[in-house]
C-alpha atoms as a PDB file:
ATOM      1  CA  MET A   1     123.280-183.947  92.292  1.00  0.00           C
ATOM      2  CA  ARG A   2     120.179-181.953  93.202  1.00  0.00           C
ATOM      3  CA  ASN A   3     122.255-179.584  95.378  1.00  0.00           C
ATOM      4  CA  GLY A   4     124.565-178.714  92.473  1.00  0.00           C
ATOM      5  CA  GLN A   5     121.603-177.922  90.220  1.00  0.00           C
ATOM      6  CA  VAL A   6     120.227-175.446  92.793  1.00  0.00           C
ATOM      7  CA  TRP A   7     123.560-173.596  92.859  1.00  0.00           C
ATOM      8  CA  VAL A   8     123.737-173.445  89.047  1.00  0.00           C
ATOM      9  CA  GLU A   9     120.184-172.070  88.895  1.00  0.00           C
ATOM     10  CA  THR A  10     120.991-169.512  91.595  1.00  0.00           C
ATOM     11  CA  VAL A  11     124.047-168.285  89.687  1.00  0.00           C
ATOM     12  CA  ILE A  12     122.107-168.110  86.404  1.00  0.00           C
ATOM     13  CA  TYR A  13     119.211-166.175  87.992  1.00  0.00           C
ATOM     14  CA  THR A  14     121.672-163.817  89.678  1.00  0.00           C
ATOM     15  CA  LEU A  15     123.437-163.142  86.368  1.00  0.00           C
ATOM     16  CA  ILE A  16     120.111-162.547  84.615  1.00  0.00           C
ATOM     17  CA  GLY A  17     119.086-160.139  87.395  1.00  0.00           C
ATOM     18  CA  LEU A  18     122.377-158.245  87.227  1.00  0.00           C
ATOM     19  CA  SER A  19     122.126-158.059  83.443  1.00  0.00           C
ATOM     20  CA  LEU A  20     118.624-156.586  83.667  1.00  0.00           C
ATOM     21  CA  ILE A  21     119.798-154.023  86.228  1.00  0.00           C
ATOM     22  CA  GLY A  22     122.696-153.096  83.921  1.00  0.00           C
ATOM     23  CA  VAL A  23     120.366-152.672  80.925  1.00  0.00           C
ATOM     24  CA  VAL A  24     117.953-150.505  82.924  1.00  0.00           C
ATOM     25  CA  LEU A  25     120.811-148.333  84.219  1.00  0.00           C
ATOM     26  CA  ALA A  26     122.183-147.933  80.685  1.00  0.00           C
ATOM     27  CA  PHE A  27     118.870-146.367  79.622  1.00  0.00           C
ATOM     28  CA  VAL A  28     117.954-144.514  82.816  1.00  0.00           C
ATOM     29  CA  THR A  29     121.309-142.873  83.655  1.00  0.00           C
ATOM     30  CA  PRO A  30     121.424-140.592  80.557  1.00  0.00           C
ATOM     31  CA  LYS A  31     117.854-139.430  81.258  1.00  0.00           C
ATOM     32  CA  ILE A  32     118.746-138.654  84.868  1.00  0.00           C
ATOM     33  CA  GLN A  33     121.774-136.657  83.684  1.00  0.00           C
ATOM     34  CA  GLU A  34     119.589-134.821  81.144  1.00  0.00           C
ATOM     35  CA  TYR A  35     117.147-133.812  83.891  1.00  0.00           C
ATOM     36  CA  GLN A  36     120.042-132.746  86.136  1.00  0.00           C
ATOM     37  CA  ASP A  37     121.418-130.485  83.383  1.00  0.00           C
ATOM     38  CA  LYS A  38     117.958-129.019  82.765  1.00  0.00           C
ATOM     39  CA  ALA A  39     117.617-128.324  86.500  1.00  0.00           C
ATOM     40  CA  ILE A  40     121.028-126.592  86.530  1.00  0.00           C
ATOM     41  CA  ILE A  41     119.976-124.392  83.590  1.00  0.00           C
ATOM     42  CA  GLU A  42     116.696-123.457  85.271  1.00  0.00           C
ATOM     43  CA  GLN A  43     118.421-122.717  88.593  1.00  0.00           C
ATOM     44  CA  THR A  44     120.951-120.519  86.778  1.00  0.00           C
ATOM     45  CA  ILE A  45     118.133-118.627  85.024  1.00  0.00           C
ATOM     46  CA  ASP A  46     116.603-118.011  88.463  1.00  0.00           C
ATOM     47  CA  SER A  47     120.002-116.868  89.800  1.00  0.00           C
ATOM     48  CA  PHE A  48     120.444-114.552  86.793  1.00  0.00           C
ATOM     49  CA  ASN A  49     117.007-113.042  87.467  1.00  0.00           C
ATOM     50  CA  ILE A  50     118.014-112.374  91.098  1.00  0.00           C
ATOM     51  CA  LEU A  51     121.330-110.884  89.922  1.00  0.00           C
ATOM     52  CA  ASP A  52     119.469-108.685  87.416  1.00  0.00           C
ATOM     53  CA  LYS A  53     117.066-107.533  90.127  1.00  0.00           C
ATOM     54  CA  LYS A  54     119.991-106.499  92.361  1.00  0.00           C
ATOM     55  CA  ILE A  55     121.664-104.658  89.474  1.00  0.00           C
ATOM     56  CA  ASN A  56     118.442-102.746  88.826  1.00  0.00           C
ATOM     57  CA  GLU A  57     118.230-101.902  92.548  1.00  0.00           C
ATOM     58  CA  VAL A  58     121.687-100.287  92.552  1.00  0.00           C
ATOM     59  CA  LEU A  59     120.781 -98.215  89.492  1.00  0.00           C
ATOM     60  CA  SER A  60     118.505 -96.105  91.709  1.00  0.00           C
ATOM     61  CA  ALA A  61     121.359 -94.094  93.290  1.00  0.00           C
ATOM     62  CA  PRO A  62     125.136 -93.618  92.924  1.00  0.00           C
ATOM     63  CA  LEU A  63     127.318 -95.531  95.416  1.00  0.00           C
ATOM     64  CA  ASN A  64     124.454 -97.918  96.084  1.00  0.00           C
ATOM     65  CA  THR A  65     125.816-101.455  96.696  1.00  0.00           C
ATOM     66  CA  ARG A  66     124.251-104.901  96.923  1.00  0.00           C
ATOM     67  CA  ILE A  67     125.812-108.277  97.707  1.00  0.00           C
ATOM     68  CA  VAL A  68     124.614-111.334  95.771  1.00  0.00           C
ATOM     69  CA  GLU A  69     125.461-114.964  96.461  1.00  0.00           C
ATOM     70  CA  PHE A  70     125.785-117.081  93.332  1.00  0.00           C
ATOM     71  CA  GLN A  71     126.013-120.882  93.501  1.00  0.00           C
ATOM     72  CA  LEU A  72     127.792-122.470  90.540  1.00  0.00           C
ATOM     73  CA  LYS A  73     127.870-126.278  90.452  1.00  0.00           C
ATOM     74  CA  LYS A  74     128.444-126.761  86.720  1.00  0.00           C
ATOM     75  CA  GLY A  75     129.287-124.527  83.767  1.00  0.00           C
ATOM     76  CA  LYS A  76     131.057-121.156  83.772  1.00  0.00           C
ATOM     77  CA  VAL A  77     129.927-117.585  84.394  1.00  0.00           C
ATOM     78  CA  TYR A  78     131.530-114.648  82.581  1.00  0.00           C
ATOM     79  CA  PHE A  79     131.397-110.924  83.308  1.00  0.00           C
ATOM     80  CA  ASP A  80     132.351-109.158  80.071  1.00  0.00           C
ATOM     81  CA  PRO A  81     132.852-105.368  80.299  1.00  0.00           C
ATOM     82  CA  ALA A  82     133.653-105.110  76.560  1.00  0.00           C
ATOM     83  CA  SER A  83     130.161-106.237  75.575  1.00  0.00           C
ATOM     84  CA  ASN A  84     128.375-105.154  78.810  1.00  0.00           C
ATOM     85  CA  GLU A  85     126.987-108.614  79.408  1.00  0.00           C
ATOM     86  CA  ILE A  86     126.923-111.411  81.939  1.00  0.00           C
ATOM     87  CA  SER A  87     126.812-114.918  80.522  1.00  0.00           C
ATOM     88  CA  PHE A  88     126.688-118.532  81.635  1.00  0.00           C
ATOM     89  CA  ILE A  89     127.894-121.366  79.407  1.00  0.00           C
ATOM     90  CA  LEU A  90     127.111-125.009  80.074  1.00  0.00           C
ATOM     91  CA  GLU A  91     129.127-127.182  77.718  1.00  0.00           C
ATOM     92  CA  ASN A  92     128.482-130.900  77.286  1.00  0.00           C
ATOM     93  CA  SER A  93     124.879-130.607  78.393  1.00  0.00           C
ATOM     94  CA  ARG A  94     122.688-133.617  77.790  1.00  0.00           C
ATOM     95  CA  SER A  95     119.651-131.333  77.830  1.00  0.00           C
ATOM     96  CA  LEU A  96     118.541-129.716  74.593  1.00  0.00           C
ATOM     97  CA  TYR A  97     116.992-126.778  76.452  1.00  0.00           C
ATOM     98  CA  SER A  98     115.693-124.836  73.432  1.00  0.00           C
ATOM     99  CA  GLU A  99     115.671-125.138  69.652  1.00  0.00           C
ATOM    100  CA  ASP A 100     119.097-125.303  68.046  1.00  0.00           C
ATOM    101  CA  GLY A 101     120.534-121.825  67.467  1.00  0.00           C
ATOM    102  CA  LEU A 102     117.263-120.027  68.212  1.00  0.00           C
ATOM    103  CA  PRO A 103     117.564-117.439  71.023  1.00  0.00           C
ATOM    104  CA  VAL A 104     114.683-117.690  73.494  1.00  0.00           C
ATOM    105  CA  GLN A 105     113.809-115.024  76.070  1.00  0.00           C
ATOM    106  CA  ASN A 106     113.150-116.159  79.635  1.00  0.00           C
ATOM    107  CA  GLY A 107     112.466-112.858  81.370  1.00  0.00           C
ATOM    108  CA  ARG A 108     115.528-110.711  80.650  1.00  0.00           C
ATOM    109  CA  VAL A 109     117.710-113.795  80.153  1.00  0.00           C
ATOM    110  CA  THR A 110     118.390-114.912  76.575  1.00  0.00           C
ATOM    111  CA  VAL A 111     118.846-118.690  76.247  1.00  0.00           C
ATOM    112  CA  THR A 112     120.573-120.149  73.183  1.00  0.00           C
ATOM    113  CA  THR A 113     121.261-123.847  72.668  1.00  0.00           C
ATOM    114  CA  THR A 114     123.834-125.096  70.179  1.00  0.00           C
ATOM    115  CA  LYS A 115     123.040-128.687  69.323  1.00  0.00           C
ATOM    116  CA  GLY A 116     125.809-131.270  69.190  1.00  0.00           C
ATOM    117  CA  SER A 117     125.638-134.927  68.217  1.00  0.00           C
ATOM    118  CA  LYS A 118     125.156-136.202  71.783  1.00  0.00           C
ATOM    119  CA  ARG A 119     126.004-133.207  73.957  1.00  0.00           C
ATOM    120  CA  HIS A 120     124.942-129.605  73.564  1.00  0.00           C
ATOM    121  CA  GLU A 121     126.067-126.134  74.635  1.00  0.00           C
ATOM    122  CA  VAL A 122     123.592-123.900  76.450  1.00  0.00           C
ATOM    123  CA  LYS A 123     124.351-120.194  76.801  1.00  0.00           C
ATOM    124  CA  LEU A 124     122.470-117.748  79.016  1.00  0.00           C
ATOM    125  CA  VAL A 125     123.043-114.016  78.519  1.00  0.00           C
ATOM    126  CA  LEU A 126     122.062-110.859  80.405  1.00  0.00           C
ATOM    127  CA  LYS A 127     122.811-107.838  78.176  1.00  0.00           C
ATOM    128  CA  TYR A 128     122.944-104.283  79.527  1.00  0.00           C
ATOM    129  CA  ASP A 129     122.911-100.839  77.945  1.00  0.00           C
ATOM    130  CA  PHE A 130     125.076 -99.241  80.630  1.00  0.00           C
ATOM    131  CA  ASP A 131     128.794 -99.472  81.364  1.00  0.00           C
ATOM    132  CA  LEU A 132     129.500-102.759  83.146  1.00  0.00           C
ATOM    133  CA  GLN A 133     132.900-102.803  84.847  1.00  0.00           C
ATOM    134  CA  THR A 134     134.991-105.439  86.589  1.00  0.00           C
ATOM    135  CA  GLU A 135     138.184-105.254  88.627  1.00  0.00           C
ATOM    136  CA  THR A 136     140.466-106.081  85.694  1.00  0.00           C
ATOM    137  CA  GLN A 137     138.275-104.473  83.000  1.00  0.00           C
ATOM    138  CA  THR A 138     138.665-107.709  81.042  1.00  0.00           C
ATOM    139  CA  LYS A 139     136.348-110.680  80.673  1.00  0.00           C
ATOM    140  CA  GLU A 140     136.313-112.472  84.035  1.00  0.00           C
ATOM    141  CA  GLU A 141     135.545-116.184  84.271  1.00  0.00           C
ATOM    142  CA  PHE A 142     134.123-118.025  87.269  1.00  0.00           C
ATOM    143  CA  SER A 143     134.289-121.828  87.369  1.00  0.00           C
ATOM    144  CA  PRO A 144     132.229-124.272  89.438  1.00  0.00           C
ATOM    145  CA  SER A 145     132.873-124.061  93.158  1.00  0.00           C
ATOM    146  CA  PRO A 146     131.645-126.052  96.180  1.00  0.00           C
ATOM    147  CA  SER A 147     130.831-122.802  97.973  1.00  0.00           C
ATOM    148  CA  ALA A 148     128.773-119.890  96.674  1.00  0.00           C
ATOM    149  CA  TYR A 149     130.477-116.895  95.105  1.00  0.00           C
ATOM    150  CA  LYS A 150     129.704-113.504  96.630  1.00  0.00           C
ATOM    151  CA  PHE A 151     129.568-110.562  94.247  1.00  0.00           C
ATOM    152  CA  ALA A 152     129.362-106.892  95.178  1.00  0.00           C
ATOM    153  CA  ILE A 153     127.371-104.816  92.714  1.00  0.00           C
ATOM    154  CA  THR A 154     128.021-101.073  93.025  1.00  0.00           C
ATOM    155  CA  ASN A 155     126.673 -98.055  91.174  1.00  0.00           C
ATOM    156  CA  LYS A 156     129.801 -95.960  90.477  1.00  0.00           C
ATOM    157  CA  GLY A 157     127.805 -93.002  89.169  1.00  0.00           C
ATOM    158  CA  PHE A 158     127.448 -91.728  85.623  1.00  0.00           C
ATOM    159  CA  ILE A 159     129.736 -90.908  82.721  1.00  0.00           C
ATOM    160  CA  GLY A 160     128.969 -88.476  79.928  1.00  0.00           C
ATOM    161  CA  ASN A 161     126.877 -85.329  79.853  1.00  0.00           C
ATOM    162  CA  ALA A 162     123.091 -85.032  80.074  1.00  0.00           C
ATOM    163  CA  PRO A 163     121.037 -86.239  78.280  1.00  0.00           C
ATOM    164  CA  TYR A 164     123.593 -88.859  77.184  1.00  0.00           C
ATOM    165  CA  GLN A 165     124.631 -90.023  80.618  1.00  0.00           C
ATOM    166  CA  GLU A 166     125.393 -93.681  81.129  1.00  0.00           C
ATOM    167  CA  ALA A 167     125.389 -95.494  84.459  1.00  0.00           C
ATOM    168  CA  VAL A 168     128.579 -97.269  85.522  1.00  0.00           C
ATOM    169  CA  ILE A 169     127.963-100.533  87.368  1.00  0.00           C
ATOM    170  CA  TYR A 170     130.878-102.356  88.971  1.00  0.00           C
ATOM    171  CA  ILE A 171     130.703-106.078  89.723  1.00  0.00           C
ATOM    172  CA  GLY A 172     133.446-107.686  91.780  1.00  0.00           C
ATOM    173  CA  GLU A 173     133.944-110.805  93.835  1.00  0.00           C
ATOM    174  CA  VAL A 174     133.854-110.359  97.606  1.00  0.00           C
ATOM    175  CA  SER A 175     135.945-112.772  99.655  1.00  0.00           C
END
């Protein structure tokens, strides 16, 4: 009879232990995901700053070209020639990166968070005052990829007459 009691106690203690592990994971997992999303946003801000630096380098002379590698694990990147901006949107983020609806500057990158009930949308934007062009001349979208994207940034010269000349910067994916 003693042997049966030991087995019952072992099963009960095991169930209690598994229940405690389950409860801890239920509280810890969302926090881990929140920190992962925050890390992705911060890494993308750093990548945008590198991209912006390369764009400013090609502005120095026509036909100047730079290659930039861009790692995208989550979210989407857009090159929009109509609005001359580069943006990153992370939907379903667990991280409330900034105040709801309030644009925050992080260097040249503007960060705007739209608060949801449980998940949020974080948008990063690099806005330019020159003519940004892409291959299709339409808004181009880049989705997460296991390998880094390679973009060629080229100064195509200037349009317009002095003193109202505007630089033309072309951004295209290099395979």
